[in-house]
Structures are given as structure tokens and as C-alpha cells.
């Protein structure tokens, strides 16, 4: 995870890849340590239909040779840190269902 304004601020973060999750959730203490600016908040619905509000920001995510700017959710204490499908697509990656590894995807420009 990299601060897009101050690239010298970076940290390796372990995230669970979840193709069912739209957004990437990173613990807020990590994003705060990187000085990622909060750019607003959004209301989300949990799987048990509870509505919760979380702050959002923009970070740079790097995985192997792939780099992308992406929205990140400031995760609270009980939020699971995940790499969501939007970030995967921005990185040009997909999950191989057989090997369960990330691999480059075909990118279409239409």
C-alpha cells in the first residue's frame, strides 16, 4: 500500500482476496500511518443487512509488477481486510479458479 501523494510512505499489507467484495478494506491504523487522506464516507450494507458507514480514501496498490490507484475503505476493528474485485480489475488481475492464484487478465479497450 502506497500513499499516492508521498510514495516514500509505503507498507506491505496482507489482504484476503475476495471476488465477492467490491471494495478493498485496509485497517484504518495502517492507512492513517501512511497518511492516506480521508476523501469522504459511504454507507455499506453487511451480509446481515446492517448499515454501516466507513471513511474512504485513495491509495496505490502494488502486487508483483502490477500497480494501480484505487479506492480503499478505512477498516474498523472487526472488519476483515480484503482486496476487492474493483482493485483486482484496476491491477489487471483475476483469480485462477484452479490454482487459486492471481494471474494477469486480458484487458479490453472498447
N, C-alpha and C. Protein backbone atom coordinates (compact mmCIF):
# COMPACT_ATOMS: atom_id res chain seq x y z
N UNK A 1 0.87 -1.16 0.00
CA UNK A 1 0.00 0.00 0.00
C UNK A 1 0.92 1.22 0.00
N UNK A 2 0.61 2.19 -0.85
CA UNK A 2 1.45 3.37 -1.03
C UNK A 2 0.58 4.62 -0.98
N UNK A 3 1.09 5.66 -0.33
CA UNK A 3 0.43 6.95 -0.34
C UNK A 3 0.71 7.59 -1.71
N UNK A 4 -0.34 7.92 -2.49
CA UNK A 4 -0.11 8.46 -3.84
C UNK A 4 0.54 9.83 -3.85
N UNK A 5 0.40 10.58 -2.76
CA UNK A 5 0.99 11.92 -2.68
C UNK A 5 2.42 11.86 -2.16
N UNK A 6 2.69 10.90 -1.29
CA UNK A 6 4.02 10.72 -0.69
C UNK A 6 4.45 9.27 -0.88
N UNK A 7 4.94 8.90 -2.08
CA UNK A 7 5.25 7.49 -2.36
C UNK A 7 6.29 6.87 -1.44
N UNK A 8 7.04 7.70 -0.73
CA UNK A 8 8.01 7.14 0.22
C UNK A 8 7.30 6.50 1.43
N UNK A 9 6.02 6.83 1.59
CA UNK A 9 5.21 6.22 2.66
C UNK A 9 4.54 4.97 2.08
N UNK A 10 5.06 3.82 2.44
CA UNK A 10 4.50 2.57 1.92
C UNK A 10 4.61 1.48 2.99
N UNK A 11 3.77 0.49 2.85
CA UNK A 11 3.79 -0.63 3.80
C UNK A 11 3.23 -1.87 3.11
N UNK A 12 3.83 -3.00 3.40
CA UNK A 12 3.31 -4.28 2.92
C UNK A 12 2.10 -4.64 3.78
N UNK A 13 1.00 -4.99 3.12
CA UNK A 13 -0.24 -5.31 3.81
C UNK A 13 -0.75 -6.65 3.31
N UNK A 14 -1.13 -7.53 4.24
CA UNK A 14 -1.75 -8.80 3.86
C UNK A 14 -3.25 -8.62 3.79
N UNK A 15 -3.82 -8.98 2.63
CA UNK A 15 -5.26 -8.87 2.42
C UNK A 15 -5.79 -10.19 1.89
N UNK A 16 -7.01 -10.53 2.23
CA UNK A 16 -7.67 -11.70 1.68
C UNK A 16 -8.30 -11.28 0.35
N UNK A 17 -8.04 -12.02 -0.71
CA UNK A 17 -8.66 -11.73 -2.00
C UNK A 17 -10.10 -12.23 -1.95
N UNK A 18 -11.03 -11.33 -2.24
CA UNK A 18 -12.45 -11.66 -2.18
C UNK A 18 -13.14 -11.10 -3.41
N UNK A 19 -13.42 -11.99 -4.37
CA UNK A 19 -14.06 -11.53 -5.61
C UNK A 19 -15.53 -11.18 -5.39
N UNK A 20 -16.06 -11.48 -4.22
CA UNK A 20 -17.42 -11.08 -3.88
C UNK A 20 -17.48 -9.71 -3.24
N UNK A 21 -16.32 -9.17 -2.88
CA UNK A 21 -16.25 -7.84 -2.29
C UNK A 21 -15.94 -6.82 -3.37
N UNK A 22 -16.67 -5.74 -3.41
CA UNK A 22 -16.44 -4.71 -4.42
C UNK A 22 -15.21 -3.89 -4.08
N UNK A 23 -15.09 -3.46 -2.83
CA UNK A 23 -14.02 -2.54 -2.44
C UNK A 23 -12.93 -3.23 -1.63
N UNK A 24 -11.80 -2.57 -1.55
CA UNK A 24 -10.68 -3.03 -0.74
C UNK A 24 -10.77 -2.38 0.64
N UNK A 25 -10.65 -3.21 1.67
CA UNK A 25 -10.71 -2.75 3.05
C UNK A 25 -9.34 -2.93 3.68
N UNK A 26 -8.81 -1.85 4.23
CA UNK A 26 -7.50 -1.87 4.88
C UNK A 26 -7.70 -1.32 6.30
N UNK A 27 -7.07 -1.96 7.30
CA UNK A 27 -7.21 -1.43 8.66
C UNK A 27 -6.86 0.06 8.71
N UNK A 28 -7.71 0.82 9.40
CA UNK A 28 -7.54 2.27 9.42
C UNK A 28 -6.21 2.70 10.02
N UNK A 29 -5.67 1.92 10.98
CA UNK A 29 -4.40 2.33 11.57
C UNK A 29 -3.27 2.29 10.55
N UNK A 30 -3.34 1.36 9.60
CA UNK A 30 -2.33 1.31 8.53
C UNK A 30 -2.48 2.50 7.60
N UNK A 31 -3.72 2.79 7.19
CA UNK A 31 -3.94 3.93 6.29
C UNK A 31 -3.58 5.24 6.98
N UNK A 32 -3.87 5.36 8.26
CA UNK A 32 -3.51 6.56 9.00
C UNK A 32 -1.99 6.70 9.11
N UNK A 33 -1.28 5.59 9.34
CA UNK A 33 0.18 5.63 9.42
C UNK A 33 0.80 6.05 8.09
N UNK A 34 0.14 5.66 6.99
CA UNK A 34 0.60 6.05 5.65
C UNK A 34 0.17 7.47 5.28
N UNK A 35 -0.62 8.10 6.16
CA UNK A 35 -1.14 9.45 5.92
C UNK A 35 -2.03 9.51 4.67
N UNK A 36 -2.81 8.44 4.45
CA UNK A 36 -3.80 8.43 3.38
C UNK A 36 -4.93 9.36 3.80
N UNK A 37 -5.26 10.33 2.96
CA UNK A 37 -6.32 11.27 3.27
C UNK A 37 -7.70 10.61 3.17
N UNK A 38 -8.56 10.96 4.11
CA UNK A 38 -9.96 10.55 4.00
C UNK A 38 -10.60 11.48 2.97
N UNK A 39 -11.33 10.90 2.03
CA UNK A 39 -11.94 11.66 0.95
C UNK A 39 -13.46 11.63 1.01
N UNK A 40 -13.98 11.24 2.16
CA UNK A 40 -15.42 11.15 2.32
C UNK A 40 -15.78 9.86 3.01
N UNK A 41 -17.07 9.54 2.98
CA UNK A 41 -17.52 8.28 3.57
C UNK A 41 -18.67 7.73 2.74
N UNK A 42 -18.93 6.47 2.94
CA UNK A 42 -20.03 5.80 2.25
C UNK A 42 -20.74 4.88 3.22
N UNK A 43 -22.00 4.61 2.93
CA UNK A 43 -22.78 3.68 3.73
C UNK A 43 -22.78 2.34 3.00
N UNK A 44 -22.50 1.29 3.76
CA UNK A 44 -22.45 -0.07 3.22
C UNK A 44 -23.45 -0.93 3.97
N UNK A 45 -23.86 -2.02 3.33
CA UNK A 45 -24.74 -2.98 4.00
C UNK A 45 -23.95 -4.26 4.21
N UNK A 46 -23.98 -4.78 5.44
CA UNK A 46 -23.28 -6.03 5.74
C UNK A 46 -24.13 -7.21 5.28
N UNK A 47 -23.56 -8.40 5.36
CA UNK A 47 -24.30 -9.60 4.94
C UNK A 47 -25.53 -9.84 5.81
N UNK A 48 -25.53 -9.33 7.04
CA UNK A 48 -26.71 -9.50 7.90
C UNK A 48 -27.65 -8.28 7.83
N UNK A 49 -27.51 -7.50 6.75
CA UNK A 49 -28.40 -6.37 6.43
C UNK A 49 -28.21 -5.14 7.32
N UNK A 50 -27.15 -5.12 8.12
CA UNK A 50 -26.86 -3.95 8.96
C UNK A 50 -26.21 -2.87 8.09
N UNK A 51 -26.60 -1.61 8.30
CA UNK A 51 -26.00 -0.49 7.57
C UNK A 51 -24.87 0.08 8.42
N UNK A 52 -23.69 0.25 7.79
CA UNK A 52 -22.55 0.81 8.48
C UNK A 52 -21.92 1.88 7.59
N UNK A 53 -21.30 2.85 8.21
CA UNK A 53 -20.64 3.92 7.46
C UNK A 53 -19.14 3.79 7.66
N UNK A 54 -18.39 3.93 6.57
CA UNK A 54 -16.94 3.86 6.64
C UNK A 54 -16.34 4.99 5.82
N UNK A 55 -15.21 5.50 6.29
CA UNK A 55 -14.46 6.50 5.54
C UNK A 55 -13.77 5.83 4.36
N UNK A 56 -13.55 6.63 3.29
CA UNK A 56 -12.84 6.12 2.12
C UNK A 56 -11.68 7.05 1.79
N UNK A 57 -10.69 6.49 1.11
CA UNK A 57 -9.55 7.26 0.64
C UNK A 57 -9.04 6.65 -0.65
N UNK A 58 -7.94 7.18 -1.13
CA UNK A 58 -7.34 6.67 -2.36
C UNK A 58 -5.90 6.30 -2.05
N UNK A 59 -5.52 5.08 -2.47
CA UNK A 59 -4.15 4.60 -2.25
C UNK A 59 -3.66 3.95 -3.54
N UNK A 60 -2.37 3.75 -3.60
CA UNK A 60 -1.77 2.99 -4.69
C UNK A 60 -1.51 1.59 -4.16
N UNK A 61 -1.92 0.59 -4.94
CA UNK A 61 -1.71 -0.80 -4.58
C UNK A 61 -0.74 -1.41 -5.58
N UNK A 62 0.23 -2.15 -5.07
CA UNK A 62 1.20 -2.83 -5.92
C UNK A 62 1.17 -4.32 -5.60
N UNK A 63 1.15 -5.14 -6.65
CA UNK A 63 1.25 -6.58 -6.48
C UNK A 63 2.11 -7.10 -7.62
N UNK A 64 3.26 -7.66 -7.27
CA UNK A 64 4.25 -8.07 -8.26
C UNK A 64 4.55 -6.89 -9.18
N UNK A 65 4.29 -7.02 -10.49
CA UNK A 65 4.57 -5.91 -11.42
C UNK A 65 3.37 -5.02 -11.68
N UNK A 66 2.23 -5.32 -11.05
CA UNK A 66 1.00 -4.55 -11.28
C UNK A 66 0.89 -3.41 -10.27
N UNK A 67 0.51 -2.24 -10.77
CA UNK A 67 0.35 -1.05 -9.93
C UNK A 67 -0.95 -0.35 -10.33
N UNK A 68 -1.72 0.09 -9.33
CA UNK A 68 -2.96 0.81 -9.63
C UNK A 68 -3.35 1.71 -8.48
N UNK A 69 -3.96 2.84 -8.81
CA UNK A 69 -4.60 3.67 -7.80
C UNK A 69 -6.00 3.12 -7.58
N UNK A 70 -6.45 3.11 -6.33
CA UNK A 70 -7.76 2.52 -6.04
C UNK A 70 -8.38 3.15 -4.80
N UNK A 71 -9.70 3.09 -4.72
CA UNK A 71 -10.39 3.49 -3.50
C UNK A 71 -10.15 2.44 -2.43
N UNK A 72 -9.94 2.90 -1.20
CA UNK A 72 -9.78 1.98 -0.08
C UNK A 72 -10.71 2.41 1.05
N UNK A 73 -11.22 1.43 1.75
CA UNK A 73 -12.10 1.66 2.89
C UNK A 73 -11.26 1.62 4.15
N UNK A 74 -11.45 2.60 5.04
CA UNK A 74 -10.78 2.62 6.33
C UNK A 74 -11.47 1.59 7.23
N UNK A 75 -10.87 0.41 7.34
CA UNK A 75 -11.47 -0.67 8.10
C UNK A 75 -11.44 -0.44 9.59
N UNK A 76 -12.53 -0.80 10.23
CA UNK A 76 -12.64 -0.71 11.69
C UNK A 76 -12.17 -2.03 12.31
N UNK A 77 -12.18 -2.09 13.63
CA UNK A 77 -11.60 -3.21 14.37
C UNK A 77 -12.08 -4.59 13.91
N UNK A 78 -13.36 -4.77 13.68
CA UNK A 78 -13.89 -6.09 13.31
C UNK A 78 -14.03 -6.31 11.80
N UNK A 79 -13.60 -5.35 11.00
CA UNK A 79 -13.68 -5.50 9.53
C UNK A 79 -12.54 -6.41 9.06
N UNK A 80 -12.85 -7.30 8.15
CA UNK A 80 -11.84 -8.19 7.57
C UNK A 80 -11.10 -7.43 6.47
N UNK A 81 -9.77 -7.40 6.51
CA UNK A 81 -9.00 -6.74 5.44
C UNK A 81 -9.10 -7.56 4.14
N UNK A 82 -9.65 -6.95 3.11
CA UNK A 82 -9.83 -7.67 1.84
C UNK A 82 -9.36 -6.85 0.65
N UNK A 83 -8.94 -7.57 -0.37
CA UNK A 83 -8.64 -6.98 -1.66
C UNK A 83 -9.86 -7.27 -2.53
N UNK A 84 -10.62 -6.23 -2.84
CA UNK A 84 -11.87 -6.41 -3.57
C UNK A 84 -11.69 -6.47 -5.08
N UNK A 85 -12.77 -6.81 -5.75
CA UNK A 85 -12.73 -7.04 -7.19
C UNK A 85 -12.42 -5.77 -7.98
N UNK A 86 -12.84 -4.61 -7.49
CA UNK A 86 -12.52 -3.36 -8.20
C UNK A 86 -11.01 -3.17 -8.28
N UNK A 87 -10.32 -3.38 -7.16
CA UNK A 87 -8.86 -3.24 -7.15
C UNK A 87 -8.22 -4.30 -8.03
N UNK A 88 -8.74 -5.53 -7.98
CA UNK A 88 -8.20 -6.59 -8.85
C UNK A 88 -8.29 -6.17 -10.32
N UNK A 89 -9.43 -5.65 -10.72
CA UNK A 89 -9.61 -5.21 -12.10
C UNK A 89 -8.68 -4.06 -12.43
N UNK A 90 -8.52 -3.13 -11.51
CA UNK A 90 -7.61 -1.99 -11.76
C UNK A 90 -6.17 -2.46 -11.89
N UNK A 91 -5.82 -3.53 -11.19
CA UNK A 91 -4.47 -4.10 -11.29
C UNK A 91 -4.31 -4.97 -12.54
N UNK A 92 -5.42 -5.28 -13.22
CA UNK A 92 -5.37 -6.16 -14.38
C UNK A 92 -5.15 -7.61 -13.99
N UNK A 93 -5.73 -7.99 -12.85
CA UNK A 93 -5.56 -9.35 -12.34
C UNK A 93 -6.91 -10.03 -12.17
N UNK A 94 -6.85 -11.36 -12.15
CA UNK A 94 -8.02 -12.17 -11.86
C UNK A 94 -7.57 -13.39 -11.06
N UNK A 95 -8.53 -14.06 -10.44
CA UNK A 95 -8.22 -15.26 -9.68
C UNK A 95 -8.37 -16.46 -10.61
N UNK A 96 -7.32 -17.27 -10.70
CA UNK A 96 -7.38 -18.53 -11.44
C UNK A 96 -8.16 -19.51 -10.57
N UNK A 97 -9.33 -19.98 -11.03
CA UNK A 97 -10.16 -20.84 -10.18
C UNK A 97 -9.53 -22.20 -9.88
N UNK A 98 -8.61 -22.64 -10.71
CA UNK A 98 -7.98 -23.94 -10.49
C UNK A 98 -6.83 -23.82 -9.48
N UNK A 99 -5.90 -22.89 -9.75
CA UNK A 99 -4.73 -22.75 -8.87
C UNK A 99 -5.01 -21.85 -7.67
N UNK A 100 -6.10 -21.08 -7.74
CA UNK A 100 -6.45 -20.10 -6.70
C UNK A 100 -5.35 -19.06 -6.50
N UNK A 101 -4.65 -18.76 -7.58
CA UNK A 101 -3.60 -17.75 -7.58
C UNK A 101 -4.05 -16.56 -8.42
N UNK A 102 -3.46 -15.39 -8.17
CA UNK A 102 -3.74 -14.23 -9.01
C UNK A 102 -2.92 -14.34 -10.28
N UNK A 103 -3.55 -13.99 -11.39
CA UNK A 103 -2.85 -14.02 -12.67
C UNK A 103 -3.32 -12.84 -13.50
N UNK A 104 -2.50 -12.41 -14.46
CA UNK A 104 -2.92 -11.31 -15.34
C UNK A 104 -4.18 -11.70 -16.11
N UNK A 105 -5.02 -10.72 -16.33
CA UNK A 105 -6.24 -10.96 -17.11
C UNK A 105 -6.11 -10.24 -18.45
N UNK A 106 -6.94 -10.65 -19.38
CA UNK A 106 -6.98 -9.95 -20.67
C UNK A 106 -7.69 -8.62 -20.43
N UNK A 107 -7.06 -7.53 -20.83
CA UNK A 107 -7.65 -6.21 -20.68
C UNK A 107 -8.19 -5.76 -22.03
N UNK A 108 -9.46 -5.42 -22.05
CA UNK A 108 -10.11 -4.97 -23.27
C UNK A 108 -10.25 -3.46 -23.26
N UNK A 109 -9.99 -2.85 -24.38
CA UNK A 109 -10.19 -1.42 -24.53
C UNK A 109 -11.24 -1.25 -25.61
N UNK A 110 -12.44 -0.91 -25.20
CA UNK A 110 -13.55 -0.82 -26.15
C UNK A 110 -13.94 0.62 -26.39
